[in-house]
Amino acid sequence: MGQPVTVIEKPSAHPGVVRFETNRVLTGMGQELFRSLDDAKADRPADRIARALFERGGVKAVHVNSNVITVHLDRSDAEPGIKEIIEDLYTYYREGVGVVVPEGVGD
């Protein structure tokens, strides 16, 4: 369950830069620039996606503006798997993961 995120990968004219457009607004009308994992301290959607991408590795910087995520790669082979990380941003229940039921619910 959760909210599926549709992601369209768009090439860039700049080597090592990839853009992703989503069907979810991640920053409102603002924009966020993350140059390292330390910059992604909050629990907002833009911070969450930046954290996930930096923890994955191969990323130098992440810029999020509304529904567009621009990823600056630190090497040319770092792109595979990024789209799937973004698509899973709002997917909370995956196959094999049990659903947490708060104590006292259903009694």
PDB file of N, CA and C in Angstrom:
ATOM      1  N   MET A   1       0.845  -1.181   0.000  1.00  0.00           N
ATOM      2  CA  MET A   1       0.000   0.000   0.000  1.00  0.00           C
ATOM      3  C   MET A   1       0.879   1.228   0.000  1.00  0.00           C
ATOM      4  N   GLY A   2       0.252   2.331  -0.016  1.00  0.00           N
ATOM      5  CA  GLY A   2       0.961   3.593  -0.091  1.00  0.00           C
ATOM      6  C   GLY A   2       0.578   4.290  -1.379  1.00  0.00           C
ATOM      7  N   GLN A   3       1.225   5.352  -1.651  1.00  0.00           N
ATOM      8  CA  GLN A   3       0.928   6.147  -2.829  1.00  0.00           C
ATOM      9  C   GLN A   3       1.962   5.876  -3.896  1.00  0.00           C
ATOM     10  N   PRO A   4       1.598   5.193  -4.977  1.00  0.00           N
ATOM     11  CA  PRO A   4       2.573   4.963  -6.043  1.00  0.00           C
ATOM     12  C   PRO A   4       3.021   6.288  -6.651  1.00  0.00           C
ATOM     13  N   VAL A   5       4.283   6.399  -6.919  1.00  0.00           N
ATOM     14  CA  VAL A   5       4.839   7.590  -7.543  1.00  0.00           C
ATOM     15  C   VAL A   5       5.251   7.213  -8.956  1.00  0.00           C
ATOM     16  N   THR A   6       4.735   7.946  -9.932  1.00  0.00           N
ATOM     17  CA  THR A   6       5.123   7.738 -11.318  1.00  0.00           C
ATOM     18  C   THR A   6       6.341   8.594 -11.591  1.00  0.00           C
ATOM     19  N   VAL A   7       7.364   7.998 -12.177  1.00  0.00           N
ATOM     20  CA  VAL A   7       8.626   8.707 -12.429  1.00  0.00           C
ATOM     21  C   VAL A   7       8.973   8.584 -13.907  1.00  0.00           C
ATOM     22  N   ILE A   8       9.279   9.720 -14.513  1.00  0.00           N
ATOM     23  CA  ILE A   8       9.738   9.749 -15.901  1.00  0.00           C
ATOM     24  C   ILE A   8      11.178  10.238 -15.883  1.00  0.00           C
ATOM     25  N   GLU A   9      12.067   9.416 -16.408  1.00  0.00           N
ATOM     26  CA  GLU A   9      13.484   9.771 -16.462  1.00  0.00           C
ATOM     27  C   GLU A   9      13.743  10.579 -17.724  1.00  0.00           C
ATOM     28  N   LYS A  10      14.424  11.716 -17.561  1.00  0.00           N
ATOM     29  CA  LYS A  10      14.709  12.592 -18.694  1.00  0.00           C
ATOM     30  C   LYS A  10      16.220  12.806 -18.788  1.00  0.00           C
ATOM     31  N   PRO A  11      16.771  12.639 -19.967  1.00  0.00           N
ATOM     32  CA  PRO A  11      18.209  12.875 -20.127  1.00  0.00           C
ATOM     33  C   PRO A  11      18.534  14.360 -20.018  1.00  0.00           C
ATOM     34  N   SER A  12      19.769  14.643 -19.744  1.00  0.00           N
ATOM     35  CA  SER A  12      20.246  16.016 -19.663  1.00  0.00           C
ATOM     36  C   SER A  12      21.318  16.232 -20.718  1.00  0.00           C
ATOM     37  N   ALA A  13      21.495  17.466 -21.112  1.00  0.00           N
ATOM     38  CA  ALA A  13      22.558  17.795 -22.066  1.00  0.00           C
ATOM     39  C   ALA A  13      23.927  17.764 -21.405  1.00  0.00           C
ATOM     40  N   HIS A  14      23.937  17.692 -20.075  1.00  0.00           N
ATOM     41  CA  HIS A  14      25.191  17.687 -19.318  1.00  0.00           C
ATOM     42  C   HIS A  14      25.540  16.265 -18.891  1.00  0.00           C
ATOM     43  N   PRO A  15      26.730  15.786 -19.203  1.00  0.00           N
ATOM     44  CA  PRO A  15      27.134  14.445 -18.766  1.00  0.00           C
ATOM     45  C   PRO A  15      27.108  14.343 -17.238  1.00  0.00           C
ATOM     46  N   GLY A  16      26.620  13.219 -16.754  1.00  0.00           N
ATOM     47  CA  GLY A  16      26.589  12.996 -15.309  1.00  0.00           C
ATOM     48  C   GLY A  16      25.425  13.650 -14.599  1.00  0.00           C
ATOM     49  N   VAL A  17      24.457  14.176 -15.349  1.00  0.00           N
ATOM     50  CA  VAL A  17      23.273  14.800 -14.755  1.00  0.00           C
ATOM     51  C   VAL A  17      22.040  14.122 -15.344  1.00  0.00           C
ATOM     52  N   VAL A  18      21.134  13.695 -14.461  1.00  0.00           N
ATOM     53  CA  VAL A  18      19.904  13.023 -14.882  1.00  0.00           C
ATOM     54  C   VAL A  18      18.735  13.698 -14.168  1.00  0.00           C
ATOM     55  N   ARG A  19      17.649  13.905 -14.887  1.00  0.00           N
ATOM     56  CA  ARG A  19      16.446  14.501 -14.305  1.00  0.00           C
ATOM     57  C   ARG A  19      15.345  13.464 -14.217  1.00  0.00           C
ATOM     58  N   PHE A  20      14.556  13.585 -13.163  1.00  0.00           N
ATOM     59  CA  PHE A  20      13.412  12.710 -12.966  1.00  0.00           C
ATOM     60  C   PHE A  20      12.203  13.578 -12.665  1.00  0.00           C
ATOM     61  N   GLU A  21      11.108  13.371 -13.392  1.00  0.00           N
ATOM     62  CA  GLU A  21       9.870  14.098 -13.150  1.00  0.00           C
ATOM     63  C   GLU A  21       8.880  13.132 -12.512  1.00  0.00           C
ATOM     64  N   THR A  22       8.219  13.587 -11.451  1.00  0.00           N
ATOM     65  CA  THR A  22       7.285  12.733 -10.720  1.00  0.00           C
ATOM     66  C   THR A  22       5.865  13.286 -10.810  1.00  0.00           C
ATOM     67  N   ASN A  23       4.901  12.460 -10.444  1.00  0.00           N
ATOM     68  CA  ASN A  23       3.520  12.913 -10.370  1.00  0.00           C
ATOM     69  C   ASN A  23       3.168  13.382  -8.963  1.00  0.00           C
ATOM     70  N   ARG A  24       4.154  13.641  -8.147  1.00  0.00           N
ATOM     71  CA  ARG A  24       3.987  14.160  -6.787  1.00  0.00           C
ATOM     72  C   ARG A  24       4.872  15.387  -6.618  1.00  0.00           C
ATOM     73  N   VAL A  25       4.318  16.440  -6.056  1.00  0.00           N
ATOM     74  CA  VAL A  25       5.109  17.622  -5.742  1.00  0.00           C
ATOM     75  C   VAL A  25       5.859  17.339  -4.445  1.00  0.00           C
ATOM     76  N   LEU A  26       7.160  17.537  -4.460  1.00  0.00           N
ATOM     77  CA  LEU A  26       7.998  17.193  -3.306  1.00  0.00           C
ATOM     78  C   LEU A  26       8.414  18.412  -2.491  1.00  0.00           C
ATOM     79  N   THR A  27       8.378  19.610  -3.084  1.00  0.00           N
ATOM     80  CA  THR A  27       8.845  20.805  -2.367  1.00  0.00           C
ATOM     81  C   THR A  27       7.848  21.949  -2.376  1.00  0.00           C
ATOM     82  N   GLY A  28       6.647  21.750  -2.852  1.00  0.00           N
ATOM     83  CA  GLY A  28       5.752  22.885  -3.040  1.00  0.00           C
ATOM     84  C   GLY A  28       6.309  23.723  -4.179  1.00  0.00           C
ATOM     85  N   MET A  29       6.322  25.032  -4.001  1.00  0.00           N
ATOM     86  CA  MET A  29       6.861  25.902  -5.047  1.00  0.00           C
ATOM     87  C   MET A  29       8.337  26.227  -4.815  1.00  0.00           C
ATOM     88  N   GLY A  30       8.879  25.765  -3.713  1.00  0.00           N
ATOM     89  CA  GLY A  30      10.282  26.037  -3.398  1.00  0.00           C
ATOM     90  C   GLY A  30      11.208  25.033  -4.047  1.00  0.00           C
ATOM     91  N   GLN A  31      12.478  25.186  -3.729  1.00  0.00           N
ATOM     92  CA  GLN A  31      13.478  24.246  -4.224  1.00  0.00           C
ATOM     93  C   GLN A  31      14.488  23.957  -3.125  1.00  0.00           C
ATOM     94  N   GLU A  32      15.106  22.812  -3.224  1.00  0.00           N
ATOM     95  CA  GLU A  32      16.090  22.380  -2.235  1.00  0.00           C
ATOM     96  C   GLU A  32      17.322  21.852  -2.956  1.00  0.00           C
ATOM     97  N   LEU A  33      18.491  22.181  -2.456  1.00  0.00           N
ATOM     98  CA  LEU A  33      19.741  21.660  -2.987  1.00  0.00           C
ATOM     99  C   LEU A  33      20.463  20.922  -1.873  1.00  0.00           C
ATOM    100  N   PHE A  34      20.834  19.692  -2.153  1.00  0.00           N
ATOM    101  CA  PHE A  34      21.538  18.847  -1.193  1.00  0.00           C
ATOM    102  C   PHE A  34      22.884  18.483  -1.801  1.00  0.00           C
ATOM    103  N   ARG A  35      23.966  18.872  -1.138  1.00  0.00           N
ATOM    104  CA  ARG A  35      25.309  18.569  -1.630  1.00  0.00           C
ATOM    105  C   ARG A  35      25.944  17.378  -0.909  1.00  0.00           C
ATOM    106  N   SER A  36      25.267  16.928   0.162  1.00  0.00           N
ATOM    107  CA  SER A  36      25.761  15.761   0.888  1.00  0.00           C
ATOM    108  C   SER A  36      24.631  15.222   1.758  1.00  0.00           C
ATOM    109  N   LEU A  37      24.874  14.073   2.339  1.00  0.00           N
ATOM    110  CA  LEU A  37      23.905  13.460   3.244  1.00  0.00           C
ATOM    111  C   LEU A  37      23.620  14.376   4.432  1.00  0.00           C
ATOM    112  N   ASP A  38      24.620  15.133   4.867  1.00  0.00           N
ATOM    113  CA  ASP A  38      24.436  16.034   6.016  1.00  0.00           C
ATOM    114  C   ASP A  38      23.415  17.138   5.750  1.00  0.00           C
ATOM    115  N   ASP A  39      23.186  17.472   4.492  1.00  0.00           N
ATOM    116  CA  ASP A  39      22.213  18.517   4.154  1.00  0.00           C
ATOM    117  C   ASP A  39      20.770  18.035   4.267  1.00  0.00           C
ATOM    118  N   ALA A  40      20.553  16.742   4.279  1.00  0.00           N
ATOM    119  CA  ALA A  40      19.199  16.169   4.290  1.00  0.00           C
ATOM    120  C   ALA A  40      18.817  15.765   5.710  1.00  0.00           C
ATOM    121  N   LYS A  41      18.606  16.754   6.584  1.00  0.00           N
ATOM    122  CA  LYS A  41      18.377  16.480   8.004  1.00  0.00           C
ATOM    123  C   LYS A  41      16.907  16.364   8.386  1.00  0.00           C
ATOM    124  N   ALA A  42      16.036  17.032   7.665  1.00  0.00           N
ATOM    125  CA  ALA A  42      14.613  17.052   8.028  1.00  0.00           C
ATOM    126  C   ALA A  42      13.913  15.786   7.529  1.00  0.00           C
ATOM    127  N   ASP A  43      12.608  15.723   7.726  1.00  0.00           N
ATOM    128  CA  ASP A  43      11.836  14.561   7.279  1.00  0.00           C
ATOM    129  C   ASP A  43      10.838  14.947   6.193  1.00  0.00           C
ATOM    130  N   ARG A  44      11.142  15.993   5.463  1.00  0.00           N
ATOM    131  CA  ARG A  44      10.308  16.397   4.334  1.00  0.00           C
ATOM    132  C   ARG A  44      10.581  15.461   3.157  1.00  0.00           C
ATOM    133  N   PRO A  45       9.653  15.391   2.196  1.00  0.00           N
ATOM    134  CA  PRO A  45       9.878  14.498   1.052  1.00  0.00           C
ATOM    135  C   PRO A  45      11.197  14.747   0.318  1.00  0.00           C
ATOM    136  N   ALA A  46      11.568  16.000   0.114  1.00  0.00           N
ATOM    137  CA  ALA A  46      12.828  16.294  -0.588  1.00  0.00           C
ATOM    138  C   ALA A  46      14.022  15.766   0.207  1.00  0.00           C
ATOM    139  N   ASP A  47      13.991  15.921   1.515  1.00  0.00           N
ATOM    140  CA  ASP A  47      15.076  15.407   2.367  1.00  0.00           C
ATOM    141  C   ASP A  47      15.122  13.884   2.318  1.00  0.00           C
ATOM    142  N   ARG A  48      13.948  13.264   2.353  1.00  0.00           N
ATOM    143  CA  ARG A  48      13.887  11.800   2.341  1.00  0.00           C
ATOM    144  C   ARG A  48      14.461  11.236   1.053  1.00  0.00           C
ATOM    145  N   ILE A  49      14.106  11.850  -0.093  1.00  0.00           N
ATOM    146  CA  ILE A  49      14.618  11.338  -1.358  1.00  0.00           C
ATOM    147  C   ILE A  49      16.110  11.600  -1.472  1.00  0.00           C
ATOM    148  N   ALA A  50      16.579  12.755  -1.023  1.00  0.00           N
ATOM    149  CA  ALA A  50      18.020  13.049  -1.065  1.00  0.00           C
ATOM    150  C   ALA A  50      18.787  12.059  -0.199  1.00  0.00           C
ATOM    151  N   ARG A  51      18.274  11.786   1.000  1.00  0.00           N
ATOM    152  CA  ARG A  51      18.935  10.813   1.887  1.00  0.00           C
ATOM    153  C   ARG A  51      19.038   9.450   1.228  1.00  0.00           C
ATOM    154  N   ALA A  52      17.931   9.003   0.642  1.00  0.00           N
ATOM    155  CA  ALA A  52      17.925   7.686   0.004  1.00  0.00           C
ATOM    156  C   ALA A  52      18.924   7.627  -1.151  1.00  0.00           C
ATOM    157  N   LEU A  53      19.034   8.692  -1.919  1.00  0.00           N
ATOM    158  CA  LEU A  53      19.966   8.693  -3.049  1.00  0.00           C
ATOM    159  C   LEU A  53      21.418   8.754  -2.591  1.00  0.00           C
ATOM    160  N   PHE A  54      21.719   9.574  -1.585  1.00  0.00           N
ATOM    161  CA  PHE A  54      23.091   9.623  -1.072  1.00  0.00           C
ATOM    162  C   PHE A  54      23.482   8.297  -0.422  1.00  0.00           C
ATOM    163  N   GLU A  55      22.562   7.682   0.308  1.00  0.00           N
ATOM    164  CA  GLU A  55      22.863   6.392   0.944  1.00  0.00           C
ATOM    165  C   GLU A  55      23.077   5.300  -0.091  1.00  0.00           C
ATOM    166  N   ARG A  56      22.455   5.412  -1.234  1.00  0.00           N
ATOM    167  CA  ARG A  56      22.640   4.471  -2.331  1.00  0.00           C
ATOM    168  C   ARG A  56      24.052   4.560  -2.888  1.00  0.00           C
ATOM    169  N   GLY A  57      24.597   5.776  -2.907  1.00  0.00           N
ATOM    170  CA  GLY A  57      25.944   5.986  -3.425  1.00  0.00           C
ATOM    171  C   GLY A  57      25.943   6.415  -4.879  1.00  0.00           C
ATOM    172  N   GLY A  58      27.075   6.959  -5.312  1.00  0.00           N
ATOM    173  CA  GLY A  58      27.229   7.375  -6.691  1.00  0.00           C
ATOM    174  C   GLY A  58      26.632   8.730  -7.007  1.00  0.00           C
ATOM    175  N   VAL A  59      26.249   9.488  -5.969  1.00  0.00           N
ATOM    176  CA  VAL A  59      25.578  10.771  -6.167  1.00  0.00           C
ATOM    177  C   VAL A  59      26.406  11.890  -5.548  1.00  0.00           C
ATOM    178  N   LYS A  60      26.620  12.971  -6.315  1.00  0.00           N
ATOM    179  CA  LYS A  60      27.338  14.153  -5.829  1.00  0.00           C
ATOM    180  C   LYS A  60      26.401  15.196  -5.256  1.00  0.00           C
ATOM    181  N   ALA A  61      25.235  15.383  -5.888  1.00  0.00           N
ATOM    182  CA  ALA A  61      24.289  16.409  -5.442  1.00  0.00           C
ATOM    183  C   ALA A  61      22.889  16.049  -5.929  1.00  0.00           C
ATOM    184  N   VAL A  62      21.908  16.550  -5.190  1.00  0.00           N
ATOM    185  CA  VAL A  62      20.502  16.346  -5.538  1.00  0.00           C
ATOM    186  C   VAL A  62      19.806  17.698  -5.439  1.00  0.00           C
ATOM    187  N   HIS A  63      19.104  18.077  -6.492  1.00  0.00           N
ATOM    188  CA  HIS A  63      18.323  19.310  -6.499  1.00  0.00           C
ATOM    189  C   HIS A  63      16.870  18.922  -6.721  1.00  0.00           C
ATOM    190  N   VAL A  64      15.990  19.409  -5.850  1.00  0.00           N
ATOM    191  CA  VAL A  64      14.568  19.092  -5.968  1.00  0.00           C
ATOM    192  C   VAL A  64      13.802  20.401  -6.100  1.00  0.00           C
ATOM    193  N   ASN A  65      13.037  20.526  -7.173  1.00  0.00           N
ATOM    194  CA  ASN A  65      12.226  21.713  -7.415  1.00  0.00           C
ATOM    195  C   ASN A  65      10.833  21.251  -7.811  1.00  0.00           C
ATOM    196  N   SER A  66       9.897  21.376  -6.895  1.00  0.00           N
ATOM    197  CA  SER A  66       8.526  20.944  -7.100  1.00  0.00           C
ATOM    198  C   SER A  66       8.487  19.439  -7.360  1.00  0.00           C
ATOM    199  N   ASN A  67       8.245  19.024  -8.602  1.00  0.00           N
ATOM    200  CA  ASN A  67       8.177  17.591  -8.907  1.00  0.00           C
ATOM    201  C   ASN A  67       9.355  17.117  -9.759  1.00  0.00           C
ATOM    202  N   VAL A  68      10.395  17.930  -9.869  1.00  0.00           N
ATOM    203  CA  VAL A  68      11.563  17.573 -10.674  1.00  0.00           C
ATOM    204  C   VAL A  68      12.772  17.350  -9.759  1.00  0.00           C
ATOM    205  N   ILE A  69      13.388  16.193  -9.921  1.00  0.00           N
ATOM    206  CA  ILE A  69      14.581  15.834  -9.151  1.00  0.00           C
ATOM    207  C   ILE A  69      15.745  15.771 -10.135  1.00  0.00           C
ATOM    208  N   THR A  70      16.748  16.603  -9.903  1.00  0.00           N
ATOM    209  CA  THR A  70      17.948  16.595 -10.734  1.00  0.00           C
ATOM    210  C   THR A  70      19.067  15.969  -9.921  1.00  0.00           C
ATOM    211  N   VAL A  71      19.655  14.916 -10.467  1.00  0.00           N
ATOM    212  CA  VAL A  71      20.689  14.164  -9.757  1.00  0.00           C
ATOM    213  C   VAL A  71      22.014  14.346 -10.492  1.00  0.00           C
ATOM    214  N   HIS A  72      23.019  14.807  -9.756  1.00  0.00           N
ATOM    215  CA  HIS A  72      24.379  14.942 -10.280  1.00  0.00           C
ATOM    216  C   HIS A  72      25.157  13.711  -9.818  1.00  0.00           C
ATOM    217  N   LEU A  73      25.570  12.907 -10.757  1.00  0.00           N
ATOM    218  CA  LEU A  73      26.248  11.641 -10.459  1.00  0.00           C
ATOM    219  C   LEU A  73      27.748  11.864 -10.285  1.00  0.00           C
ATOM    220  N   ASP A  74      28.365  11.043  -9.442  1.00  0.00           N
ATOM    221  CA  ASP A  74      29.820  11.179  -9.279  1.00  0.00           C
ATOM    222  C   ASP A  74      30.593  10.234 -10.189  1.00  0.00           C
ATOM    223  N   ARG A  75      29.871   9.415 -10.923  1.00  0.00           N
ATOM    224  CA  ARG A  75      30.511   8.559 -11.928  1.00  0.00           C
ATOM    225  C   ARG A  75      29.457   8.156 -12.956  1.00  0.00           C
ATOM    226  N   SER A  76      29.889   7.809 -14.123  1.00  0.00           N
ATOM    227  CA  SER A  76      28.954   7.566 -15.225  1.00  0.00           C
ATOM    228  C   SER A  76      28.115   6.311 -15.049  1.00  0.00           C
ATOM    229  N   ASP A  77      28.553   5.358 -14.238  1.00  0.00           N
ATOM    230  CA  ASP A  77      27.799   4.113 -14.072  1.00  0.00           C
ATOM    231  C   ASP A  77      26.887   4.137 -12.852  1.00  0.00           C
ATOM    232  N   ALA A  78      26.645   5.299 -12.270  1.00  0.00           N
ATOM    233  CA  ALA A  78      25.891   5.393 -11.021  1.00  0.00           C
ATOM    234  C   ALA A  78      24.387   5.524 -11.210  1.00  0.00           C
ATOM    235  N   GLU A  79      23.908   5.584 -12.438  1.00  0.00           N
ATOM    236  CA  GLU A  79      22.497   5.852 -12.684  1.00  0.00           C
ATOM    237  C   GLU A  79      21.537   4.699 -12.389  1.00  0.00           C
ATOM    238  N   PRO A  80      21.826   3.445 -12.713  1.00  0.00           N
ATOM    239  CA  PRO A  80      20.838   2.375 -12.522  1.00  0.00           C
ATOM    240  C   PRO A  80      20.313   2.293 -11.084  1.00  0.00           C
ATOM    241  N   GLY A  81      18.996   2.168 -10.966  1.00  0.00           N
ATOM    242  CA  GLY A  81      18.371   2.004  -9.661  1.00  0.00           C
ATOM    243  C   GLY A  81      17.818   3.277  -9.060  1.00  0.00           C
ATOM    244  N   ILE A  82      18.176   4.431  -9.586  1.00  0.00           N
ATOM    245  CA  ILE A  82      17.704   5.691  -9.007  1.00  0.00           C
ATOM    246  C   ILE A  82      16.199   5.847  -9.206  1.00  0.00           C
ATOM    247  N   LYS A  83      15.713   5.548 -10.382  1.00  0.00           N
ATOM    248  CA  LYS A  83      14.278   5.688 -10.671  1.00  0.00           C
ATOM    249  C   LYS A  83      13.454   4.861  -9.687  1.00  0.00           C
ATOM    250  N   GLU A  84      13.882   3.645  -9.412  1.00  0.00           N
ATOM    251  CA  GLU A  84      13.138   2.763  -8.495  1.00  0.00           C
ATOM    252  C   GLU A  84      13.117   3.324  -7.075  1.00  0.00           C
ATOM    253  N   ILE A  85      14.192   3.948  -6.635  1.00  0.00           N
ATOM    254  CA  ILE A  85      14.223   4.551  -5.297  1.00  0.00           C
ATOM    255  C   ILE A  85      13.173   5.653  -5.204  1.00  0.00           C
ATOM    256  N   ILE A  86      13.088   6.484  -6.231  1.00  0.00           N
ATOM    257  CA  ILE A  86      12.108   7.564  -6.245  1.00  0.00           C
ATOM    258  C   ILE A  86      10.686   7.000  -6.307  1.00  0.00           C
ATOM    259  N   GLU A  87      10.473   5.981  -7.116  1.00  0.00           N
ATOM    260  CA  GLU A  87       9.137   5.373  -7.235  1.00  0.00           C
ATOM    261  C   GLU A  87       8.663   4.791  -5.912  1.00  0.00           C
ATOM    262  N   ASP A  88       9.566   4.298  -5.094  1.00  0.00           N
ATOM    263  CA  ASP A  88       9.201   3.663  -3.818  1.00  0.00           C
ATOM    264  C   ASP A  88       9.103   4.645  -2.653  1.00  0.00           C
ATOM    265  N   LEU A  89       9.233   5.939  -2.921  1.00  0.00           N
ATOM    266  CA  LEU A  89       9.251   6.936  -1.849  1.00  0.00           C
ATOM    267  C   LEU A  89       8.049   6.836  -0.925  1.00  0.00           C
ATOM    268  N   TYR A  90       6.846   6.630  -1.478  1.00  0.00           N
ATOM    269  CA  TYR A  90       5.641   6.584  -0.660  1.00  0.00           C
ATOM    270  C   TYR A  90       5.049   5.190  -0.543  1.00  0.00           C
ATOM    271  N   THR A  91       5.794   4.169  -0.905  1.00  0.00           N
ATOM    272  CA  THR A  91       5.311   2.805  -0.765  1.00  0.00           C
ATOM    273  C   THR A  91       5.749   2.283   0.602  1.00  0.00           C
ATOM    274  N   TYR A  92       4.790   2.096   1.482  1.00  0.00           N
ATOM    275  CA  TYR A  92       5.119   1.722   2.853  1.00  0.00           C
ATOM    276  C   TYR A  92       5.061   0.223   3.104  1.00  0.00           C
ATOM    277  N   TYR A  93       4.147  -0.447   2.449  1.00  0.00           N
ATOM    278  CA  TYR A  93       3.983  -1.868   2.697  1.00  0.00           C
ATOM    279  C   TYR A  93       4.409  -2.643   1.465  1.00  0.00           C
ATOM    280  N   ARG A  94       5.488  -3.375   1.602  1.00  0.00           N
ATOM    281  CA  ARG A  94       6.010  -4.157   0.491  1.00  0.00           C
ATOM    282  C   ARG A  94       5.847  -5.636   0.804  1.00  0.00           C
ATOM    283  N   GLU A  95       5.923  -6.460  -0.208  1.00  0.00           N
ATOM    284  CA  GLU A  95       5.800  -7.891  -0.043  1.00  0.00           C
ATOM    285  C   GLU A  95       6.807  -8.377   0.998  1.00  0.00           C
ATOM    286  N   GLY A  96       6.336  -9.163   1.934  1.00  0.00           N
ATOM    287  CA  GLY A  96       7.202  -9.712   2.961  1.00  0.00           C
ATOM    288  C   GLY A  96       7.352  -8.837   4.193  1.00  0.00           C
ATOM    289  N   VAL A  97       6.778  -7.633   4.173  1.00  0.00           N
ATOM    290  CA  VAL A  97       6.864  -6.726   5.316  1.00  0.00           C
ATOM    291  C   VAL A  97       5.520  -6.737   6.025  1.00  0.00           C
ATOM    292  N   GLY A  98       5.533  -7.066   7.308  1.00  0.00           N
ATOM    293  CA  GLY A  98       4.299  -7.134   8.074  1.00  0.00           C
ATOM    294  C   GLY A  98       3.725  -5.764   8.359  1.00  0.00           C
ATOM    295  N   VAL A  99       2.406  -5.692   8.452  1.00  0.00           N
ATOM    296  CA  VAL A  99       1.712  -4.450   8.772  1.00  0.00           C
ATOM    297  C   VAL A  99       1.698  -4.296  10.287  1.00  0.00           C
ATOM    298  N   VAL A 100       2.103  -3.127  10.769  1.00  0.00           N
ATOM    299  CA  VAL A 100       2.124  -2.862  12.200  1.00  0.00           C
ATOM    300  C   VAL A 100       0.727  -2.434  12.639  1.00  0.00           C
ATOM    301  N   VAL A 101       0.197  -3.133  13.627  1.00  0.00           N
ATOM    302  CA  VAL A 101      -1.115  -2.811  14.175  1.00  0.00           C
ATOM    303  C   VAL A 101      -0.897  -2.289  15.583  1.00  0.00           C
ATOM    304  N   PRO A 102      -1.310  -1.024  15.839  1.00  0.00           N
ATOM    305  CA  PRO A 102      -1.121  -0.474  17.181  1.00  0.00           C
ATOM    306  C   PRO A 102      -1.827  -1.294  18.245  1.00  0.00           C
ATOM    307  N   GLU A 103      -1.250  -1.343  19.429  1.00  0.00           N
ATOM    308  CA  GLU A 103      -1.816  -2.091  20.534  1.00  0.00           C
ATOM    309  C   GLU A 103      -3.222  -1.600  20.848  1.00  0.00           C
ATOM    310  N   GLY A 104      -4.154  -2.496  21.054  1.00  0.00           N
ATOM    311  CA  GLY A 104      -5.526  -2.161  21.405  1.00  0.00           C
ATOM    312  C   GLY A 104      -6.456  -1.993  20.224  1.00  0.00           C
ATOM    313  N   VAL A 105      -5.922  -1.956  19.022  1.00  0.00           N
ATOM    314  CA  VAL A 105      -6.772  -1.819  17.837  1.00  0.00           C
ATOM    315  C   VAL A 105      -7.384  -3.185  17.529  1.00  0.00           C
ATOM    316  N   GLY A 106      -8.666  -3.193  17.305  1.00  0.00           N
ATOM    317  CA  GLY A 106      -9.356  -4.431  16.963  1.00  0.00           C
ATOM    318  C   GLY A 106      -9.823  -5.233  18.164  1.00  0.00           C
ATOM    319  N   ASP A 107      -9.615  -4.717  19.359  1.00  0.00           N
ATOM    320  CA  ASP A 107     -10.076  -5.428  20.563  1.00  0.00           C
ATOM    321  C   ASP A 107     -11.551  -5.255  20.782  1.00  0.00           C
TER     322      ASP A 107
END
